[in-house]
Amino acid sequence: MSQVILYDIPSKEPKTCWSLNPWKPRLILNYKGIDYKTEWVEYPDLAPYFKSL
């Protein structure tokens, strides 16, 4: 199984997310022991970033 990528918007505080919504899947992934990595995408870069996928 490939590694799951969790996209999140960084905040000015280190290791803190901007929105609470990504915490829901993050907690589930941790609970189930599923390997994932967090891709931090700045808010103004969201649309161009996801169009490039």
N, C-alpha and C. Protein backbone atom coordinates (compact mmCIF):
# COMPACT_ATOMS: atom_id res chain seq x y z
N MET A 1 0.85 -1.18 0.00
CA MET A 1 0.00 0.00 0.00
C MET A 1 0.89 1.24 0.00
N SER A 2 0.55 2.21 -0.81
CA SER A 2 1.35 3.43 -0.86
C SER A 2 1.00 4.35 0.30
N GLN A 3 1.89 5.27 0.56
CA GLN A 3 1.71 6.20 1.68
C GLN A 3 0.61 7.21 1.35
N VAL A 4 -0.23 7.47 2.32
CA VAL A 4 -1.32 8.44 2.18
C VAL A 4 -0.74 9.84 2.32
N ILE A 5 -1.23 10.78 1.52
CA ILE A 5 -0.80 12.17 1.62
C ILE A 5 -1.97 12.98 2.18
N LEU A 6 -1.71 13.66 3.28
CA LEU A 6 -2.70 14.52 3.91
C LEU A 6 -2.31 15.96 3.64
N TYR A 7 -3.17 16.70 2.97
CA TYR A 7 -2.88 18.09 2.63
C TYR A 7 -3.42 19.00 3.73
N ASP A 8 -2.62 19.98 4.12
CA ASP A 8 -3.02 20.88 5.19
C ASP A 8 -2.46 22.27 4.90
N ILE A 9 -3.08 23.27 5.50
CA ILE A 9 -2.64 24.66 5.36
C ILE A 9 -1.88 25.03 6.62
N PRO A 10 -0.63 25.46 6.50
CA PRO A 10 0.13 25.79 7.71
C PRO A 10 -0.32 27.10 8.34
N SER A 11 -0.08 27.21 9.62
CA SER A 11 -0.34 28.47 10.32
C SER A 11 1.00 29.11 10.66
N LYS A 12 0.97 30.25 11.27
CA LYS A 12 2.22 30.92 11.65
C LYS A 12 2.89 30.22 12.82
N GLU A 13 2.11 29.50 13.62
CA GLU A 13 2.67 28.73 14.73
C GLU A 13 3.29 27.44 14.17
N PRO A 14 4.47 27.06 14.62
CA PRO A 14 5.08 25.83 14.11
C PRO A 14 4.27 24.59 14.49
N LYS A 15 4.19 23.66 13.54
CA LYS A 15 3.51 22.38 13.71
C LYS A 15 2.05 22.54 14.14
N THR A 16 1.41 23.56 13.64
CA THR A 16 0.00 23.80 13.92
C THR A 16 -0.72 24.00 12.60
N CYS A 17 -1.91 23.44 12.50
CA CYS A 17 -2.65 23.60 11.25
C CYS A 17 -3.58 24.80 11.33
N TRP A 18 -3.94 25.30 10.17
CA TRP A 18 -4.78 26.48 10.05
C TRP A 18 -6.24 26.13 10.27
N SER A 19 -6.66 24.99 9.76
CA SER A 19 -8.05 24.55 9.87
C SER A 19 -8.11 23.30 10.76
N LEU A 20 -9.20 23.14 11.47
CA LEU A 20 -9.36 21.95 12.32
C LEU A 20 -9.85 20.74 11.53
N ASN A 21 -10.39 20.94 10.33
CA ASN A 21 -10.93 19.81 9.56
C ASN A 21 -9.91 18.73 9.25
N PRO A 22 -8.65 19.03 8.91
CA PRO A 22 -7.69 17.95 8.66
C PRO A 22 -7.35 17.12 9.90
N TRP A 23 -7.68 17.60 11.07
CA TRP A 23 -7.41 16.81 12.28
C TRP A 23 -8.26 15.55 12.32
N LYS A 24 -9.45 15.59 11.75
CA LYS A 24 -10.33 14.42 11.78
C LYS A 24 -9.68 13.22 11.07
N PRO A 25 -9.29 13.36 9.79
CA PRO A 25 -8.63 12.22 9.15
C PRO A 25 -7.27 11.92 9.76
N ARG A 26 -6.56 12.93 10.25
CA ARG A 26 -5.26 12.70 10.88
C ARG A 26 -5.41 11.80 12.11
N LEU A 27 -6.41 12.07 12.94
CA LEU A 27 -6.65 11.25 14.12
C LEU A 27 -7.03 9.81 13.74
N ILE A 28 -7.85 9.66 12.71
CA ILE A 28 -8.23 8.32 12.24
C ILE A 28 -7.01 7.57 11.72
N LEU A 29 -6.18 8.24 10.91
CA LEU A 29 -4.98 7.60 10.38
C LEU A 29 -4.05 7.17 11.51
N ASN A 30 -3.87 8.02 12.51
CA ASN A 30 -3.03 7.66 13.65
C ASN A 30 -3.64 6.49 14.43
N TYR A 31 -4.93 6.52 14.65
CA TYR A 31 -5.62 5.46 15.39
C TYR A 31 -5.48 4.11 14.70
N LYS A 32 -5.62 4.11 13.37
CA LYS A 32 -5.53 2.87 12.61
C LYS A 32 -4.10 2.47 12.28
N GLY A 33 -3.14 3.35 12.58
CA GLY A 33 -1.74 3.03 12.32
C GLY A 33 -1.38 3.08 10.84
N ILE A 34 -2.09 3.88 10.08
CA ILE A 34 -1.83 4.01 8.65
C ILE A 34 -0.74 5.05 8.43
N ASP A 35 0.26 4.67 7.63
CA ASP A 35 1.38 5.56 7.35
C ASP A 35 0.92 6.70 6.43
N TYR A 36 1.26 7.92 6.79
CA TYR A 36 0.90 9.08 5.98
C TYR A 36 1.95 10.17 6.15
N LYS A 37 1.92 11.11 5.22
CA LYS A 37 2.77 12.29 5.36
C LYS A 37 1.90 13.51 5.12
N THR A 38 2.29 14.62 5.73
CA THR A 38 1.54 15.86 5.59
C THR A 38 2.23 16.76 4.59
N GLU A 39 1.50 17.19 3.59
CA GLU A 39 1.98 18.18 2.63
C GLU A 39 1.40 19.52 3.03
N TRP A 40 2.26 20.45 3.40
CA TRP A 40 1.81 21.78 3.80
C TRP A 40 1.74 22.66 2.56
N VAL A 41 0.55 23.19 2.28
CA VAL A 41 0.33 24.03 1.10
C VAL A 41 -0.21 25.37 1.58
N GLU A 42 0.48 26.44 1.24
CA GLU A 42 0.05 27.78 1.63
C GLU A 42 -1.29 28.11 0.97
N TYR A 43 -2.12 28.86 1.65
CA TYR A 43 -3.47 29.16 1.17
C TYR A 43 -3.50 29.75 -0.25
N PRO A 44 -2.66 30.76 -0.58
CA PRO A 44 -2.72 31.31 -1.94
C PRO A 44 -2.29 30.32 -3.02
N ASP A 45 -1.58 29.26 -2.62
CA ASP A 45 -1.08 28.28 -3.58
C ASP A 45 -2.00 27.09 -3.77
N LEU A 46 -3.13 27.06 -3.09
CA LEU A 46 -4.01 25.88 -3.14
C LEU A 46 -4.50 25.56 -4.55
N ALA A 47 -5.14 26.51 -5.21
CA ALA A 47 -5.71 26.25 -6.53
C ALA A 47 -4.65 25.82 -7.54
N PRO A 48 -3.54 26.56 -7.69
CA PRO A 48 -2.53 26.12 -8.65
C PRO A 48 -1.92 24.76 -8.29
N TYR A 49 -1.75 24.52 -7.01
CA TYR A 49 -1.15 23.25 -6.57
C TYR A 49 -2.04 22.07 -6.94
N PHE A 50 -3.32 22.16 -6.64
CA PHE A 50 -4.21 21.04 -6.91
C PHE A 50 -4.53 20.89 -8.39
N LYS A 51 -4.45 21.96 -9.16
CA LYS A 51 -4.62 21.84 -10.61
C LYS A 51 -3.44 21.11 -11.23
N SER A 52 -2.26 21.20 -10.59
CA SER A 52 -1.07 20.55 -11.13
C SER A 52 -1.04 19.05 -10.83
N LEU A 53 -1.91 18.57 -9.95
CA LEU A 53 -1.92 17.14 -9.62
C LEU A 53 -2.51 16.34 -10.71
